[in-house]
Amino acid sequence: MFAVVNIGSQQFKVAKGDKFDVKKLQEEEGKKVVFDQVYLVNDGKKVKIGTPLVSGATVEAKVLAQKKDDKITVFKMKPKKRYQITRGHRTHLTEIEITDIKVKAAPKKEKKSE
């Protein structure tokens, strides 16, 4: 079973047990996070595609760590002007593990009899 979910304005294809890094979330380590912006769910038999979201679908994850990415160095230089500057930054990331993908059954519509 897998799903396509929106996490931090990025789309990820996730399955149960996946571990990956996302943009920094404001949750503490060990806490559970629920993502409800699910665009697609595939359970092996049926594929549910949302318009734009699948109603009743959620993805649960556990926050494993808050960390920083590798340093990125930015070097600027203007030749013949005696200008050069070196700067860098490290992006803040959150490592998460997908624990569960849930889909609630949609309520059945009753036919009106005349």
N, C-alpha and C. Protein backbone atom coordinates (compact mmCIF):
# COMPACT_ATOMS: atom_id res chain seq x y z
N MET A 1 0.85 -1.18 0.00
CA MET A 1 0.00 0.00 0.00
C MET A 1 0.89 1.23 0.00
N PHE A 2 0.56 2.19 -0.86
CA PHE A 2 1.30 3.44 -0.87
C PHE A 2 0.34 4.59 -1.09
N ALA A 3 0.84 5.80 -0.82
CA ALA A 3 0.03 7.00 -0.97
C ALA A 3 0.92 8.14 -1.45
N VAL A 4 0.29 9.11 -2.06
CA VAL A 4 0.96 10.35 -2.43
C VAL A 4 0.41 11.43 -1.51
N VAL A 5 1.29 12.05 -0.73
CA VAL A 5 0.86 12.97 0.31
C VAL A 5 1.65 14.28 0.22
N ASN A 6 1.01 15.37 0.66
CA ASN A 6 1.64 16.68 0.68
C ASN A 6 2.20 16.92 2.09
N ILE A 7 3.52 17.09 2.15
CA ILE A 7 4.20 17.36 3.42
C ILE A 7 5.07 18.59 3.22
N GLY A 8 4.76 19.68 3.89
CA GLY A 8 5.58 20.88 3.80
C GLY A 8 5.65 21.44 2.39
N SER A 9 4.53 21.48 1.70
CA SER A 9 4.38 22.00 0.34
C SER A 9 5.19 21.20 -0.69
N GLN A 10 5.50 19.95 -0.38
CA GLN A 10 6.13 19.03 -1.32
C GLN A 10 5.34 17.73 -1.34
N GLN A 11 5.30 17.07 -2.50
CA GLN A 11 4.58 15.81 -2.62
C GLN A 11 5.55 14.64 -2.51
N PHE A 12 5.16 13.64 -1.73
CA PHE A 12 5.98 12.46 -1.52
C PHE A 12 5.16 11.21 -1.76
N LYS A 13 5.77 10.20 -2.37
CA LYS A 13 5.17 8.88 -2.48
C LYS A 13 5.67 8.10 -1.28
N VAL A 14 4.75 7.69 -0.39
CA VAL A 14 5.14 7.06 0.87
C VAL A 14 4.48 5.69 1.01
N ALA A 15 5.14 4.83 1.75
CA ALA A 15 4.61 3.53 2.12
C ALA A 15 4.93 3.30 3.59
N LYS A 16 4.25 2.34 4.19
CA LYS A 16 4.46 2.07 5.61
C LYS A 16 5.90 1.63 5.84
N GLY A 17 6.57 2.25 6.82
CA GLY A 17 7.94 1.91 7.15
C GLY A 17 8.99 2.78 6.48
N ASP A 18 8.58 3.65 5.55
CA ASP A 18 9.54 4.54 4.88
C ASP A 18 10.11 5.56 5.86
N LYS A 19 11.40 5.84 5.73
CA LYS A 19 12.07 6.88 6.51
C LYS A 19 12.68 7.88 5.54
N PHE A 20 12.42 9.17 5.75
CA PHE A 20 13.00 10.19 4.89
C PHE A 20 12.97 11.55 5.58
N ASP A 21 13.66 12.51 4.96
CA ASP A 21 13.77 13.86 5.51
C ASP A 21 12.81 14.79 4.79
N VAL A 22 12.17 15.68 5.57
CA VAL A 22 11.28 16.70 5.02
C VAL A 22 11.70 18.05 5.59
N LYS A 23 11.11 19.11 5.05
CA LYS A 23 11.37 20.43 5.63
C LYS A 23 10.98 20.42 7.10
N LYS A 24 11.60 21.30 7.88
CA LYS A 24 11.42 21.31 9.32
C LYS A 24 9.95 21.40 9.73
N LEU A 25 9.55 20.47 10.60
CA LEU A 25 8.22 20.47 11.20
C LEU A 25 8.34 20.94 12.65
N GLN A 26 7.32 21.56 13.17
CA GLN A 26 7.36 22.11 14.52
C GLN A 26 6.93 21.07 15.57
N GLU A 27 7.35 19.84 15.41
CA GLU A 27 7.02 18.78 16.36
C GLU A 27 8.30 18.30 17.05
N GLU A 28 8.14 17.79 18.27
CA GLU A 28 9.29 17.28 19.02
C GLU A 28 9.58 15.84 18.60
N GLU A 29 10.80 15.40 18.90
CA GLU A 29 11.20 14.03 18.59
C GLU A 29 10.33 13.04 19.36
N GLY A 30 9.92 11.97 18.69
CA GLY A 30 9.09 10.95 19.31
C GLY A 30 7.61 11.20 19.19
N LYS A 31 7.20 12.37 18.75
CA LYS A 31 5.77 12.70 18.64
C LYS A 31 5.19 12.14 17.35
N LYS A 32 3.87 11.94 17.34
CA LYS A 32 3.16 11.45 16.18
C LYS A 32 2.61 12.64 15.39
N VAL A 33 2.70 12.55 14.06
CA VAL A 33 2.21 13.60 13.17
C VAL A 33 1.22 12.96 12.20
N VAL A 34 0.11 13.66 11.93
CA VAL A 34 -0.90 13.16 11.00
C VAL A 34 -0.98 14.13 9.82
N PHE A 35 -0.84 13.60 8.61
CA PHE A 35 -0.96 14.39 7.39
C PHE A 35 -2.28 14.02 6.73
N ASP A 36 -3.11 15.02 6.46
CA ASP A 36 -4.42 14.74 5.88
C ASP A 36 -4.56 15.19 4.43
N GLN A 37 -3.52 15.77 3.86
CA GLN A 37 -3.57 16.16 2.45
C GLN A 37 -3.03 15.00 1.61
N VAL A 38 -3.89 14.04 1.35
CA VAL A 38 -3.53 12.84 0.60
C VAL A 38 -4.16 12.94 -0.79
N TYR A 39 -3.33 12.82 -1.82
CA TYR A 39 -3.80 12.97 -3.20
C TYR A 39 -4.15 11.64 -3.85
N LEU A 40 -3.52 10.54 -3.44
CA LEU A 40 -3.73 9.25 -4.06
C LEU A 40 -3.44 8.15 -3.05
N VAL A 41 -4.25 7.10 -3.09
CA VAL A 41 -4.02 5.93 -2.23
C VAL A 41 -4.16 4.68 -3.11
N ASN A 42 -3.17 3.79 -3.04
CA ASN A 42 -3.20 2.53 -3.77
C ASN A 42 -3.01 1.41 -2.75
N ASP A 43 -4.03 0.53 -2.61
CA ASP A 43 -3.93 -0.56 -1.65
C ASP A 43 -3.60 -1.89 -2.30
N GLY A 44 -3.20 -1.89 -3.57
CA GLY A 44 -2.87 -3.11 -4.27
C GLY A 44 -4.01 -3.62 -5.12
N LYS A 45 -5.24 -3.30 -4.73
CA LYS A 45 -6.41 -3.73 -5.48
C LYS A 45 -7.11 -2.53 -6.13
N LYS A 46 -7.28 -1.49 -5.34
CA LYS A 46 -7.97 -0.29 -5.82
C LYS A 46 -7.05 0.91 -5.74
N VAL A 47 -7.26 1.83 -6.66
CA VAL A 47 -6.55 3.11 -6.62
C VAL A 47 -7.59 4.20 -6.43
N LYS A 48 -7.41 4.98 -5.36
CA LYS A 48 -8.32 6.10 -5.11
C LYS A 48 -7.57 7.39 -5.42
N ILE A 49 -8.12 8.14 -6.36
CA ILE A 49 -7.52 9.41 -6.74
C ILE A 49 -8.42 10.52 -6.25
N GLY A 50 -7.86 11.48 -5.55
CA GLY A 50 -8.65 12.57 -5.01
C GLY A 50 -8.93 13.66 -6.03
N THR A 51 -9.93 14.46 -5.69
CA THR A 51 -10.27 15.60 -6.54
C THR A 51 -10.37 16.87 -5.71
N PRO A 52 -9.36 17.50 -5.24
CA PRO A 52 -7.96 17.15 -5.33
C PRO A 52 -7.48 16.22 -4.22
N LEU A 53 -8.25 16.06 -3.12
CA LEU A 53 -7.81 15.22 -2.01
C LEU A 53 -8.72 14.01 -1.87
N VAL A 54 -8.17 12.91 -1.36
CA VAL A 54 -8.96 11.72 -1.06
C VAL A 54 -9.64 11.96 0.29
N SER A 55 -10.97 11.93 0.31
CA SER A 55 -11.68 12.21 1.55
C SER A 55 -11.54 11.04 2.52
N GLY A 56 -11.25 11.36 3.76
CA GLY A 56 -11.11 10.35 4.80
C GLY A 56 -9.76 9.66 4.86
N ALA A 57 -8.82 10.06 4.02
CA ALA A 57 -7.51 9.42 4.02
C ALA A 57 -6.52 10.23 4.85
N THR A 58 -5.73 9.54 5.65
CA THR A 58 -4.69 10.18 6.45
C THR A 58 -3.43 9.32 6.44
N VAL A 59 -2.31 9.98 6.64
CA VAL A 59 -1.02 9.30 6.76
C VAL A 59 -0.43 9.67 8.11
N GLU A 60 -0.10 8.67 8.91
CA GLU A 60 0.48 8.91 10.23
C GLU A 60 1.98 8.66 10.18
N ALA A 61 2.72 9.52 10.87
CA ALA A 61 4.18 9.40 10.89
C ALA A 61 4.69 9.70 12.29
N LYS A 62 5.91 9.25 12.55
CA LYS A 62 6.58 9.50 13.83
C LYS A 62 7.83 10.32 13.55
N VAL A 63 8.04 11.37 14.35
CA VAL A 63 9.22 12.21 14.20
C VAL A 63 10.41 11.50 14.85
N LEU A 64 11.43 11.22 14.05
CA LEU A 64 12.61 10.53 14.57
C LEU A 64 13.68 11.49 15.05
N ALA A 65 13.93 12.58 14.29
CA ALA A 65 15.00 13.50 14.67
C ALA A 65 14.81 14.85 13.99
N GLN A 66 15.31 15.88 14.66
CA GLN A 66 15.44 17.22 14.07
C GLN A 66 16.92 17.40 13.77
N LYS A 67 17.26 17.71 12.53
CA LYS A 67 18.67 17.81 12.18
C LYS A 67 18.89 18.85 11.10
N LYS A 68 20.16 19.03 10.72
CA LYS A 68 20.53 19.97 9.67
C LYS A 68 21.12 19.20 8.49
N ASP A 69 20.89 19.73 7.29
CA ASP A 69 21.44 19.14 6.08
C ASP A 69 22.91 19.53 5.94
N ASP A 70 23.58 19.00 4.94
CA ASP A 70 24.97 19.36 4.68
C ASP A 70 25.08 20.84 4.34
N LYS A 71 26.25 21.42 4.62
CA LYS A 71 26.46 22.84 4.37
C LYS A 71 26.57 23.11 2.87
N ILE A 72 25.91 24.17 2.44
CA ILE A 72 25.98 24.62 1.05
C ILE A 72 26.79 25.91 1.04
N THR A 73 27.82 25.97 0.21
CA THR A 73 28.67 27.16 0.12
C THR A 73 28.29 27.96 -1.12
N VAL A 74 28.08 29.26 -0.93
CA VAL A 74 27.74 30.16 -2.02
C VAL A 74 28.89 31.15 -2.16
N PHE A 75 29.50 31.20 -3.34
CA PHE A 75 30.62 32.09 -3.59
C PHE A 75 30.24 33.05 -4.70
N LYS A 76 30.33 34.35 -4.41
CA LYS A 76 30.03 35.38 -5.40
C LYS A 76 31.30 36.16 -5.71
N MET A 77 31.45 36.50 -6.98
CA MET A 77 32.64 37.25 -7.38
C MET A 77 32.32 38.10 -8.60
N LYS A 78 32.81 39.33 -8.56
CA LYS A 78 32.71 40.21 -9.73
C LYS A 78 34.13 40.52 -10.18
N PRO A 79 34.54 39.96 -11.31
CA PRO A 79 35.92 40.15 -11.74
C PRO A 79 36.22 41.62 -12.03
N LYS A 80 37.44 42.01 -11.76
CA LYS A 80 37.97 43.36 -12.00
C LYS A 80 37.32 44.42 -11.12
N LYS A 81 36.48 44.03 -10.17
CA LYS A 81 35.85 45.00 -9.27
C LYS A 81 36.28 44.80 -7.82
N ARG A 82 37.15 43.85 -7.58
CA ARG A 82 37.65 43.53 -6.24
C ARG A 82 36.52 43.17 -5.26
N TYR A 83 35.56 42.45 -5.76
CA TYR A 83 34.43 42.02 -4.94
C TYR A 83 34.35 40.51 -4.97
N GLN A 84 34.42 39.91 -3.79
CA GLN A 84 34.15 38.48 -3.67
C GLN A 84 33.68 38.21 -2.25
N ILE A 85 32.72 37.31 -2.14
CA ILE A 85 32.15 36.99 -0.84
C ILE A 85 31.78 35.51 -0.81
N THR A 86 32.00 34.89 0.33
CA THR A 86 31.66 33.49 0.52
C THR A 86 30.66 33.41 1.66
N ARG A 87 29.55 32.77 1.38
CA ARG A 87 28.51 32.57 2.40
C ARG A 87 28.04 31.13 2.31
N GLY A 88 27.34 30.70 3.31
CA GLY A 88 26.82 29.34 3.30
C GLY A 88 25.64 29.21 4.24
N HIS A 89 24.94 28.10 4.12
CA HIS A 89 23.83 27.85 5.05
C HIS A 89 23.58 26.35 5.13
N ARG A 90 22.87 25.96 6.17
CA ARG A 90 22.47 24.58 6.38
C ARG A 90 20.96 24.55 6.56
N THR A 91 20.27 23.76 5.75
CA THR A 91 18.82 23.67 5.80
C THR A 91 18.41 22.80 6.99
N HIS A 92 17.40 23.26 7.74
CA HIS A 92 16.86 22.49 8.85
C HIS A 92 15.90 21.43 8.31
N LEU A 93 16.05 20.19 8.78
CA LEU A 93 15.25 19.07 8.32
C LEU A 93 14.65 18.32 9.49
N THR A 94 13.58 17.58 9.21
CA THR A 94 12.98 16.68 10.18
C THR A 94 12.96 15.28 9.57
N GLU A 95 13.51 14.31 10.27
CA GLU A 95 13.48 12.93 9.80
C GLU A 95 12.23 12.26 10.35
N ILE A 96 11.41 11.69 9.45
CA ILE A 96 10.17 11.05 9.87
C ILE A 96 10.13 9.61 9.36
N GLU A 97 9.30 8.80 10.03
CA GLU A 97 9.03 7.43 9.61
C GLU A 97 7.53 7.26 9.48
N ILE A 98 7.07 6.73 8.36
CA ILE A 98 5.65 6.52 8.13
C ILE A 98 5.21 5.29 8.91
N THR A 99 4.20 5.46 9.78
CA THR A 99 3.75 4.36 10.61
C THR A 99 2.46 3.72 10.10
N ASP A 100 1.59 4.51 9.43
CA ASP A 100 0.32 3.96 8.99
C ASP A 100 -0.31 4.82 7.91
N ILE A 101 -1.05 4.18 7.02
CA ILE A 101 -1.85 4.87 6.01
C ILE A 101 -3.28 4.40 6.21
N LYS A 102 -4.18 5.33 6.51
CA LYS A 102 -5.57 4.98 6.80
C LYS A 102 -6.50 5.61 5.78
N VAL A 103 -7.52 4.83 5.39
CA VAL A 103 -8.57 5.34 4.51
C VAL A 103 -9.90 4.95 5.11
N LYS A 104 -10.72 5.94 5.44
CA LYS A 104 -12.06 5.67 5.96
C LYS A 104 -12.98 5.41 4.77
N ALA A 105 -13.86 4.46 4.94
CA ALA A 105 -14.82 4.16 3.89
C ALA A 105 -15.80 5.31 3.74
N ALA A 106 -16.09 5.68 2.53
CA ALA A 106 -17.05 6.75 2.28
C ALA A 106 -18.46 6.26 2.60
N PRO A 107 -19.28 7.12 3.16
CA PRO A 107 -20.65 6.69 3.46
C PRO A 107 -21.40 6.36 2.17
N LYS A 108 -22.19 5.30 2.23
CA LYS A 108 -22.95 4.88 1.06
C LYS A 108 -24.16 5.78 0.87
N LYS A 109 -24.43 6.12 -0.36
CA LYS A 109 -25.58 6.95 -0.67
C LYS A 109 -26.80 6.05 -0.86
N GLU A 110 -27.89 6.46 -0.21
CA GLU A 110 -29.12 5.68 -0.33
C GLU A 110 -29.90 6.19 -1.53
N LYS A 111 -30.52 5.25 -2.23
CA LYS A 111 -31.33 5.62 -3.37
C LYS A 111 -32.71 6.06 -2.87
N LYS A 112 -33.18 7.13 -3.47
CA LYS A 112 -34.51 7.62 -3.12
C LYS A 112 -35.56 6.85 -3.91
N SER A 113 -36.53 6.36 -3.23
CA SER A 113 -37.62 5.64 -3.94
C SER A 113 -38.78 6.60 -4.11
N GLU A 114 -39.39 6.50 -5.26
CA GLU A 114 -40.50 7.43 -5.56
C GLU A 114 -41.81 6.77 -5.45
